[in-house]
């Protein structure tokens, strides 16, 4: 198992083909997918044939596993934006509903943010969410990211809340360096 990093309660590791069932379950929970595709199911063959290979080969997606039990909790991502500056990384996360409200998203995000600035030398970490996704926005704020803007995208399918747009949050290296160390 290739461990990317560990926190007090989490192991973030590279995805493997053995994660297929957990990923299918996660990406087919209507509550988890509510702000991503309106809660629609994704066929197993799409997740196994398209999504999982990207997760395995990109090096930017990390399976989140509870250290104590080894249970799959979801995933995190830390990747450069498509056609964007290499000194910026996008932070993302998707966790099982049973994990919500327990601090896992904040814990994993803070660890990735620290890695991005301290070891990868980036200038900026940013995250995106639907404007109405209050839970995700709260995680961003707890991690020290600040609201940058609201913007609107054309999506093939309109989902509840999409009329309020997307939000972008960021944390700059200078702000990360100035905050008290944990």
C-alpha atoms as a PDB file:
ATOM      1  CA  UNK A   1       0.000   0.000   0.000  1.00  0.00           C
ATOM      2  CA  UNK A   2       1.479   3.338  -1.054  1.00  0.00           C
ATOM      3  CA  UNK A   3       0.695   5.796   1.733  1.00  0.00           C
ATOM      4  CA  UNK A   4       0.673   9.415   0.675  1.00  0.00           C
ATOM      5  CA  UNK A   5       0.242  10.764   4.203  1.00  0.00           C
ATOM      6  CA  UNK A   6      -1.272  10.037   7.589  1.00  0.00           C
ATOM      7  CA  UNK A   7      -3.127  12.203  10.069  1.00  0.00           C
ATOM      8  CA  UNK A   8      -4.382  11.422  13.539  1.00  0.00           C
ATOM      9  CA  UNK A   9      -7.325   9.409  12.214  1.00  0.00           C
ATOM     10  CA  UNK A  10      -6.755   9.040   8.467  1.00  0.00           C
ATOM     11  CA  UNK A  11      -4.483   7.351   6.004  1.00  0.00           C
ATOM     12  CA  UNK A  12      -4.504   8.918   2.552  1.00  0.00           C
ATOM     13  CA  UNK A  13      -3.164   6.432   0.033  1.00  0.00           C
ATOM     14  CA  UNK A  14      -3.097   5.818  -3.682  1.00  0.00           C
ATOM     15  CA  UNK A  15      -6.162   4.147  -5.187  1.00  0.00           C
ATOM     16  CA  UNK A  16      -6.003   0.542  -6.382  1.00  0.00           C
ATOM     17  CA  UNK A  17      -8.385  -1.647  -8.353  1.00  0.00           C
ATOM     18  CA  UNK A  18      -9.455  -3.183  -5.037  1.00  0.00           C
ATOM     19  CA  UNK A  19     -11.224   0.121  -4.264  1.00  0.00           C
ATOM     20  CA  UNK A  20     -13.813  -0.368  -7.029  1.00  0.00           C
ATOM     21  CA  UNK A  21     -16.712  -1.505  -4.835  1.00  0.00           C
ATOM     22  CA  UNK A  22     -16.182   1.291  -2.314  1.00  0.00           C
ATOM     23  CA  UNK A  23     -15.962   3.898  -5.064  1.00  0.00           C
ATOM     24  CA  UNK A  24     -19.126   2.569  -6.724  1.00  0.00           C
ATOM     25  CA  UNK A  25     -20.967   2.765  -3.407  1.00  0.00           C
ATOM     26  CA  UNK A  26     -19.708   6.306  -2.687  1.00  0.00           C
ATOM     27  CA  UNK A  27     -20.492   7.663  -6.153  1.00  0.00           C
ATOM     28  CA  UNK A  28     -23.978   6.158  -6.073  1.00  0.00           C
ATOM     29  CA  UNK A  29     -25.127   7.647  -2.775  1.00  0.00           C
ATOM     30  CA  UNK A  30     -27.696  10.297  -3.806  1.00  0.00           C
ATOM     31  CA  UNK A  31     -26.877  12.450  -0.768  1.00  0.00           C
ATOM     32  CA  UNK A  32     -23.135  12.409  -1.506  1.00  0.00           C
ATOM     33  CA  UNK A  33     -23.753  13.264  -5.167  1.00  0.00           C
ATOM     34  CA  UNK A  34     -26.493  15.842  -4.581  1.00  0.00           C
ATOM     35  CA  UNK A  35     -24.306  18.876  -5.332  1.00  0.00           C
ATOM     36  CA  UNK A  36     -22.338  17.161  -8.084  1.00  0.00           C
ATOM     37  CA  UNK A  37     -24.893  15.625 -10.407  1.00  0.00           C
ATOM     38  CA  UNK A  38     -28.199  16.022  -8.598  1.00  0.00           C
ATOM     39  CA  UNK A  39     -27.863  12.614  -6.916  1.00  0.00           C
ATOM     40  CA  UNK A  40     -28.040  10.517 -10.080  1.00  0.00           C
ATOM     41  CA  UNK A  41     -26.590   7.018 -10.075  1.00  0.00           C
ATOM     42  CA  UNK A  42     -23.403   6.363 -12.039  1.00  0.00           C
ATOM     43  CA  UNK A  43     -23.208   2.956 -13.697  1.00  0.00           C
ATOM     44  CA  UNK A  44     -20.607   0.599 -12.243  1.00  0.00           C
ATOM     45  CA  UNK A  45     -18.982   0.158 -15.644  1.00  0.00           C
ATOM     46  CA  UNK A  46     -18.357   3.930 -15.875  1.00  0.00           C
ATOM     47  CA  UNK A  47     -16.777   4.063 -12.408  1.00  0.00           C
ATOM     48  CA  UNK A  48     -14.652   0.938 -12.961  1.00  0.00           C
ATOM     49  CA  UNK A  49     -13.797   1.649 -16.606  1.00  0.00           C
ATOM     50  CA  UNK A  50     -13.341   5.442 -16.523  1.00  0.00           C
ATOM     51  CA  UNK A  51     -13.269   6.985 -13.037  1.00  0.00           C
ATOM     52  CA  UNK A  52     -11.109   4.457 -11.183  1.00  0.00           C
ATOM     53  CA  UNK A  53      -8.358   4.360 -13.840  1.00  0.00           C
ATOM     54  CA  UNK A  54      -8.064   8.158 -13.620  1.00  0.00           C
ATOM     55  CA  UNK A  55      -7.902   7.936  -9.825  1.00  0.00           C
ATOM     56  CA  UNK A  56      -5.202   5.243 -10.023  1.00  0.00           C
ATOM     57  CA  UNK A  57      -3.061   6.804 -12.762  1.00  0.00           C
ATOM     58  CA  UNK A  58      -3.252  10.544 -12.117  1.00  0.00           C
ATOM     59  CA  UNK A  59      -1.461  10.608  -8.781  1.00  0.00           C
ATOM     60  CA  UNK A  60      -3.805  13.350  -7.602  1.00  0.00           C
ATOM     61  CA  UNK A  61      -6.592  11.317  -5.953  1.00  0.00           C
ATOM     62  CA  UNK A  62      -6.155   9.649  -2.571  1.00  0.00           C
ATOM     63  CA  UNK A  63      -8.360   7.053  -0.921  1.00  0.00           C
ATOM     64  CA  UNK A  64      -9.210   8.112   2.627  1.00  0.00           C
ATOM     65  CA  UNK A  65      -9.095   5.196   5.046  1.00  0.00           C
ATOM     66  CA  UNK A  66      -9.722   5.293   8.766  1.00  0.00           C
ATOM     67  CA  UNK A  67      -6.393   4.404  10.390  1.00  0.00           C
ATOM     68  CA  UNK A  68      -7.882   2.424  13.276  1.00  0.00           C
ATOM     69  CA  UNK A  69     -10.318   0.257  11.315  1.00  0.00           C
ATOM     70  CA  UNK A  70      -9.031   0.380   7.735  1.00  0.00           C
ATOM     71  CA  UNK A  71     -12.535   1.367   6.576  1.00  0.00           C
ATOM     72  CA  UNK A  72     -12.832   3.297   3.304  1.00  0.00           C
ATOM     73  CA  UNK A  73     -14.267   6.757   4.063  1.00  0.00           C
ATOM     74  CA  UNK A  74     -14.006   8.471   0.692  1.00  0.00           C
ATOM     75  CA  UNK A  75     -11.354  10.393  -1.182  1.00  0.00           C
ATOM     76  CA  UNK A  76      -9.380  13.614  -1.419  1.00  0.00           C
ATOM     77  CA  UNK A  77      -7.736  15.281  -4.370  1.00  0.00           C
ATOM     78  CA  UNK A  78      -4.899  17.728  -4.749  1.00  0.00           C
ATOM     79  CA  UNK A  79      -4.224  18.584  -8.387  1.00  0.00           C
ATOM     80  CA  UNK A  80      -3.146  21.399 -10.651  1.00  0.00           C
ATOM     81  CA  UNK A  81      -5.971  23.088 -12.546  1.00  0.00           C
ATOM     82  CA  UNK A  82      -6.410  22.071 -16.169  1.00  0.00           C
ATOM     83  CA  UNK A  83      -4.383  24.505 -18.296  1.00  0.00           C
ATOM     84  CA  UNK A  84      -3.609  26.506 -15.136  1.00  0.00           C
ATOM     85  CA  UNK A  85      -0.471  27.551 -13.291  1.00  0.00           C
ATOM     86  CA  UNK A  86       1.626  24.733 -11.859  1.00  0.00           C
ATOM     87  CA  UNK A  87       2.115  26.606  -8.572  1.00  0.00           C
ATOM     88  CA  UNK A  88      -1.604  26.334  -7.779  1.00  0.00           C
ATOM     89  CA  UNK A  89      -3.405  23.201  -6.628  1.00  0.00           C
ATOM     90  CA  UNK A  90      -7.092  22.423  -6.370  1.00  0.00           C
ATOM     91  CA  UNK A  91      -8.243  20.753  -3.165  1.00  0.00           C
ATOM     92  CA  UNK A  92     -11.265  18.466  -3.214  1.00  0.00           C
ATOM     93  CA  UNK A  93     -12.937  15.783  -1.135  1.00  0.00           C
ATOM     94  CA  UNK A  94     -15.846  13.382  -1.226  1.00  0.00           C
ATOM     95  CA  UNK A  95     -16.740  11.375   1.864  1.00  0.00           C
ATOM     96  CA  UNK A  96     -19.383   8.851   2.834  1.00  0.00           C
ATOM     97  CA  UNK A  97     -22.415  10.355   4.509  1.00  0.00           C
ATOM     98  CA  UNK A  98     -21.610   8.414   7.688  1.00  0.00           C
ATOM     99  CA  UNK A  99     -18.424  10.535   7.956  1.00  0.00           C
ATOM    100  CA  UNK A 100     -20.091  13.927   7.657  1.00  0.00           C
ATOM    101  CA  UNK A 101     -19.849  16.239  10.645  1.00  0.00           C
ATOM    102  CA  UNK A 102     -16.974  14.307  12.249  1.00  0.00           C
ATOM    103  CA  UNK A 103     -14.094  16.502  11.104  1.00  0.00           C
ATOM    104  CA  UNK A 104     -12.621  14.058   8.577  1.00  0.00           C
ATOM    105  CA  UNK A 105     -12.920  16.472   5.629  1.00  0.00           C
ATOM    106  CA  UNK A 106     -11.188  19.219   7.604  1.00  0.00           C
ATOM    107  CA  UNK A 107      -8.492  16.876   8.933  1.00  0.00           C
ATOM    108  CA  UNK A 108      -7.603  15.468   5.522  1.00  0.00           C
ATOM    109  CA  UNK A 109      -7.790  18.857   3.835  1.00  0.00           C
ATOM    110  CA  UNK A 110      -5.499  20.515   6.380  1.00  0.00           C
ATOM    111  CA  UNK A 111      -2.923  17.758   5.911  1.00  0.00           C
ATOM    112  CA  UNK A 112      -3.001  18.171   2.126  1.00  0.00           C
ATOM    113  CA  UNK A 113      -2.800  21.957   2.404  1.00  0.00           C
ATOM    114  CA  UNK A 114       0.265  21.662   4.644  1.00  0.00           C
ATOM    115  CA  UNK A 115       1.864  19.221   2.186  1.00  0.00           C
ATOM    116  CA  UNK A 116       1.078  21.541  -0.740  1.00  0.00           C
ATOM    117  CA  UNK A 117       2.812  24.526   0.820  1.00  0.00           C
ATOM    118  CA  UNK A 118       5.568  22.918   2.902  1.00  0.00           C
ATOM    119  CA  UNK A 119       6.699  20.168   0.537  1.00  0.00           C
ATOM    120  CA  UNK A 120       5.365  20.969  -2.922  1.00  0.00           C
ATOM    121  CA  UNK A 121       6.105  24.694  -2.743  1.00  0.00           C
ATOM    122  CA  UNK A 122       2.869  25.928  -4.276  1.00  0.00           C
ATOM    123  CA  UNK A 123       1.772  29.561  -4.172  1.00  0.00           C
ATOM    124  CA  UNK A 124      -1.969  28.931  -3.831  1.00  0.00           C
ATOM    125  CA  UNK A 125      -4.450  26.209  -2.861  1.00  0.00           C
ATOM    126  CA  UNK A 126      -8.042  26.657  -3.982  1.00  0.00           C
ATOM    127  CA  UNK A 127     -11.320  24.775  -3.747  1.00  0.00           C
ATOM    128  CA  UNK A 128     -14.635  24.956  -5.582  1.00  0.00           C
ATOM    129  CA  UNK A 129     -18.188  24.065  -4.588  1.00  0.00           C
ATOM    130  CA  UNK A 130     -21.764  24.897  -5.414  1.00  0.00           C
ATOM    131  CA  UNK A 131     -22.746  28.095  -3.649  1.00  0.00           C
ATOM    132  CA  UNK A 132     -25.548  26.285  -1.816  1.00  0.00           C
ATOM    133  CA  UNK A 133     -23.248  23.518  -0.534  1.00  0.00           C
ATOM    134  CA  UNK A 134     -22.882  24.913   2.975  1.00  0.00           C
ATOM    135  CA  UNK A 135     -21.117  21.853   4.407  1.00  0.00           C
ATOM    136  CA  UNK A 136     -18.303  21.998   1.879  1.00  0.00           C
ATOM    137  CA  UNK A 137     -17.973  25.753   2.287  1.00  0.00           C
ATOM    138  CA  UNK A 138     -17.713  25.299   6.058  1.00  0.00           C
ATOM    139  CA  UNK A 139     -14.823  22.845   5.593  1.00  0.00           C
ATOM    140  CA  UNK A 140     -13.015  25.332   3.350  1.00  0.00           C
ATOM    141  CA  UNK A 141     -13.429  28.079   5.940  1.00  0.00           C
ATOM    142  CA  UNK A 142     -12.247  25.839   8.807  1.00  0.00           C
ATOM    143  CA  UNK A 143      -9.123  25.127   6.756  1.00  0.00           C
ATOM    144  CA  UNK A 144      -8.375  28.841   6.422  1.00  0.00           C
ATOM    145  CA  UNK A 145      -9.470  29.268   2.821  1.00  0.00           C
ATOM    146  CA  UNK A 146     -11.139  32.581   2.043  1.00  0.00           C
ATOM    147  CA  UNK A 147     -14.007  33.297  -0.305  1.00  0.00           C
ATOM    148  CA  UNK A 148     -12.765  34.651  -3.650  1.00  0.00           C
ATOM    149  CA  UNK A 149     -15.759  34.757  -5.977  1.00  0.00           C
ATOM    150  CA  UNK A 150     -19.069  33.379  -7.145  1.00  0.00           C
ATOM    151  CA  UNK A 151     -19.214  32.317 -10.775  1.00  0.00           C
ATOM    152  CA  UNK A 152     -21.629  30.582 -13.095  1.00  0.00           C
ATOM    153  CA  UNK A 153     -20.994  27.645 -15.414  1.00  0.00           C
ATOM    154  CA  UNK A 154     -23.102  25.995 -18.048  1.00  0.00           C
ATOM    155  CA  UNK A 155     -23.902  22.472 -16.910  1.00  0.00           C
ATOM    156  CA  UNK A 156     -25.579  19.897 -19.139  1.00  0.00           C
ATOM    157  CA  UNK A 157     -28.126  19.136 -16.421  1.00  0.00           C
ATOM    158  CA  UNK A 158     -29.543  21.785 -14.133  1.00  0.00           C
ATOM    159  CA  UNK A 159     -29.580  20.614 -10.523  1.00  0.00           C
ATOM    160  CA  UNK A 160     -31.247  22.125  -7.490  1.00  0.00           C
ATOM    161  CA  UNK A 161     -29.234  25.171  -6.390  1.00  0.00           C
ATOM    162  CA  UNK A 162     -27.201  25.568  -9.578  1.00  0.00           C
ATOM    163  CA  UNK A 163     -28.928  28.880 -10.264  1.00  0.00           C
ATOM    164  CA  UNK A 164     -26.953  30.316  -7.312  1.00  0.00           C
ATOM    165  CA  UNK A 165     -23.636  29.479  -8.983  1.00  0.00           C
ATOM    166  CA  UNK A 166     -20.331  28.055  -7.848  1.00  0.00           C
ATOM    167  CA  UNK A 167     -17.923  29.521  -5.322  1.00  0.00           C
ATOM    168  CA  UNK A 168     -14.154  29.593  -5.212  1.00  0.00           C
ATOM    169  CA  UNK A 169     -12.115  29.764  -2.014  1.00  0.00           C
ATOM    170  CA  UNK A 170      -8.341  30.094  -1.704  1.00  0.00           C
ATOM    171  CA  UNK A 171      -5.431  30.071   0.682  1.00  0.00           C
ATOM    172  CA  UNK A 172      -2.232  31.820  -0.360  1.00  0.00           C
ATOM    173  CA  UNK A 173       1.198  30.688   0.729  1.00  0.00           C
ATOM    174  CA  UNK A 174       1.769  33.975   2.579  1.00  0.00           C
ATOM    175  CA  UNK A 175      -1.422  33.509   4.621  1.00  0.00           C
ATOM    176  CA  UNK A 176      -0.577  29.861   5.335  1.00  0.00           C
ATOM    177  CA  UNK A 177       2.926  30.832   6.500  1.00  0.00           C
ATOM    178  CA  UNK A 178       1.559  33.561   8.799  1.00  0.00           C
ATOM    179  CA  UNK A 179      -0.962  31.386  10.634  1.00  0.00           C
ATOM    180  CA  UNK A 180      -0.084  29.699  13.915  1.00  0.00           C
ATOM    181  CA  UNK A 181       1.329  26.223  13.356  1.00  0.00           C
ATOM    182  CA  UNK A 182      -0.683  23.282  14.670  1.00  0.00           C
END
